[in-house]
Amino acid sequence: MPPFTASCRRCLRRSRGLLAVLCVALLTLPAAQAAVPQMVLVLSERGGVYEAFADAFEATLSGIGENGRVRRVLASEAAPETALAGSELIVAVGVQAMRAAAGWQAAQPVLGTLVPQRAFEQLQAESGGKRRPGSLSAIWIDQPPLRLLGLFRQILPEARRAGVILGPDSAARAAALQRAAARLSIELTME
């Protein structure tokens, strides 16, 4: 994994609001009226953005008085029955973690974080009937085209043209990128 950069740290600091919303949402689950449910946090790998997310997630829970509710495991471990015992939710951090957790024969719902929409959709299609309907969901990491081009506009306010390279997965976003570019008066070239 690439080194954990300053921009990753800034992104995580900004995502604390998202973590707070996630934790509050967990508090509203029917099974969690008295407390946040026991959760298993599955990391794609140790260190980097995955560990930083886990630390921030646990700190947010601790801040609302719900520490000790999370157990961490690595995606590379076989389905950890002891870690899953008594838990009500699996929070997968990263694509590798979501793929592993979705493959476990566990009754708990799986919530993926730090996963692109396309990867989630592929995993959902692959899992087919293996999981209960609605037991696999995700908070996508993808940014809307308008936000991406808005950032471009903030970084280079005088620029009127931008180039975008699309791959097999991102080609489906071409029309949305064109609409966002037109809205911001940016001439967009796509390859």
Foldseek 3Di string as FASTA:
>chain_A
DDDADPVLVVVLVVCLVVLLVVQVVQCPPPVNVPHRFQEEEEEQDPDHSRPVNVVSNQVSCVVVVHHPRYHYDYLPDQPDPVRCPRGQEYEYEELSRLLSVLPDQDQHAYEYEAAAPVSQVVSVVVCVPVHDPPSYYYDHPDDQLLVVVVVVCVVPVVAQEDEEEDDPVCPVCVVSNVVSSVVVNHHYHYD
